[in-house]
Amino acid sequence: MEATTEERIREIVREEIAKNRTNHRTPKVQEFNNEMDKWFKDQYPGKDFDGIKVRNNAENGLKAAIKTKLQLKNILSLSDEQVAEAREIFERYKHLLQ
């Protein structure tokens, strides 16, 4: 068995912390969030208070559906493995709003 160096132990610890850190978005999760943001801004382009309120309500509804279906405490805890199912929920939700 090969001895583990101090640097390798530090690397392992950093990897585990990054993997389990809340409020951390991986590139795949961030791409999905950007996709949602763009769709909502395109659907609800209003910049006045009422337009922003409608867009926020629509976004909050989607995030609540994703959190409920995937049993997430917070939408920020979405993992790479859950993105495909979250995207499916998003596609269904878009049809409800069109």
Protein backbone atom coordinates (compact mmCIF):
# COMPACT_ATOMS: atom_id res chain seq x y z
CA MET A 1 0.00 0.00 0.00
CA GLU A 2 1.36 3.40 -0.98
CA ALA A 3 1.76 6.00 1.76
CA THR A 4 -0.51 9.02 1.44
CA THR A 5 1.36 12.29 1.39
CA GLU A 6 0.26 15.29 3.41
CA GLU A 7 -0.51 17.17 0.19
CA ARG A 8 -2.70 14.32 -1.10
CA ILE A 9 -4.62 14.31 2.19
CA ARG A 10 -5.22 18.05 1.85
CA GLU A 11 -6.40 17.52 -1.72
CA ILE A 12 -8.84 14.81 -0.61
CA VAL A 13 -10.20 17.08 2.12
CA ARG A 14 -10.66 19.97 -0.36
CA GLU A 15 -12.49 17.65 -2.78
CA GLU A 16 -14.83 16.39 -0.05
CA ILE A 17 -15.56 19.91 1.18
CA ALA A 18 -16.30 21.11 -2.36
CA LYS A 19 -18.54 18.10 -3.00
CA ASN A 20 -20.57 18.65 0.17
CA ARG A 21 -20.60 22.43 0.30
CA THR A 22 -24.05 23.99 0.23
CA ASN A 23 -24.72 26.99 -1.98
CA HIS A 24 -22.13 25.65 -4.42
CA ARG A 25 -23.10 25.37 -8.04
CA THR A 26 -21.21 23.12 -10.36
CA PRO A 27 -20.86 24.21 -14.00
CA LYS A 28 -23.69 21.83 -14.98
CA VAL A 29 -26.03 23.22 -12.30
CA GLN A 30 -25.03 26.80 -13.15
CA GLU A 31 -25.77 26.17 -16.84
CA PHE A 32 -29.26 24.94 -15.90
CA ASN A 33 -29.83 28.00 -13.69
CA ASN A 34 -28.73 30.30 -16.51
CA GLU A 35 -31.13 28.52 -18.87
CA MET A 36 -34.01 29.07 -16.43
CA ASP A 37 -33.08 32.72 -15.86
CA LYS A 38 -32.95 33.43 -19.59
CA TRP A 39 -36.31 31.76 -20.22
CA PHE A 40 -38.04 33.72 -17.47
CA LYS A 41 -36.52 37.01 -18.62
CA ASP A 42 -37.60 36.28 -22.20
CA GLN A 43 -41.13 35.29 -21.13
CA TYR A 44 -41.58 38.17 -18.70
CA PRO A 45 -39.48 41.05 -20.05
CA GLY A 46 -41.17 43.78 -17.99
CA LYS A 47 -38.79 45.95 -16.04
CA ASP A 48 -41.41 47.69 -13.93
CA PHE A 49 -42.42 46.48 -10.48
CA ASP A 50 -45.43 44.51 -11.72
CA GLY A 51 -43.45 42.76 -14.45
CA ILE A 52 -40.69 41.82 -12.07
CA LYS A 53 -43.23 40.59 -9.50
CA VAL A 54 -44.89 38.30 -12.07
CA ARG A 55 -41.52 36.93 -13.20
CA ASN A 56 -40.43 36.31 -9.60
CA ASN A 57 -43.70 34.53 -8.81
CA ALA A 58 -43.29 32.29 -11.86
CA GLU A 59 -39.67 31.52 -10.94
CA ASN A 60 -40.55 30.80 -7.32
CA GLY A 61 -43.28 28.40 -8.44
CA LEU A 62 -40.83 26.44 -10.57
CA LYS A 63 -38.22 26.33 -7.83
CA ALA A 64 -40.85 25.12 -5.34
CA ALA A 65 -41.88 22.35 -7.75
CA ILE A 66 -38.24 21.26 -8.23
CA LYS A 67 -37.53 21.36 -4.49
CA THR A 68 -40.67 19.36 -3.70
CA LYS A 69 -40.17 16.72 -6.39
CA LEU A 70 -36.46 16.25 -5.64
CA GLN A 71 -36.90 16.67 -1.87
CA LEU A 72 -34.39 19.50 -1.62
CA LYS A 73 -34.16 21.79 1.37
CA ASN A 74 -32.91 24.56 -0.88
CA ILE A 75 -32.72 24.94 -4.65
CA LEU A 76 -29.01 25.70 -4.22
CA SER A 77 -28.43 22.10 -3.15
CA LEU A 78 -29.35 20.80 -6.62
CA SER A 79 -26.69 18.30 -7.74
CA ASP A 80 -25.40 17.37 -11.18
CA GLU A 81 -27.24 14.07 -10.92
CA GLN A 82 -30.55 15.88 -10.36
CA VAL A 83 -30.25 18.36 -13.23
CA ALA A 84 -31.86 16.05 -15.80
CA GLU A 85 -34.98 15.57 -13.66
CA ALA A 86 -35.05 19.29 -12.76
CA ARG A 87 -34.87 20.13 -16.48
CA GLU A 88 -37.80 17.77 -17.15
CA ILE A 89 -39.83 19.57 -14.46
CA PHE A 90 -38.82 22.89 -16.03
CA GLU A 91 -40.01 21.76 -19.48
CA ARG A 92 -43.39 20.71 -18.08
CA TYR A 93 -43.68 23.96 -16.14
CA LYS A 94 -42.96 26.03 -19.26
CA HIS A 95 -45.94 24.40 -21.00
CA LEU A 96 -48.18 25.37 -18.09
CA LEU A 97 -47.19 29.03 -18.43
CA GLN A 98 -47.48 29.32 -22.20
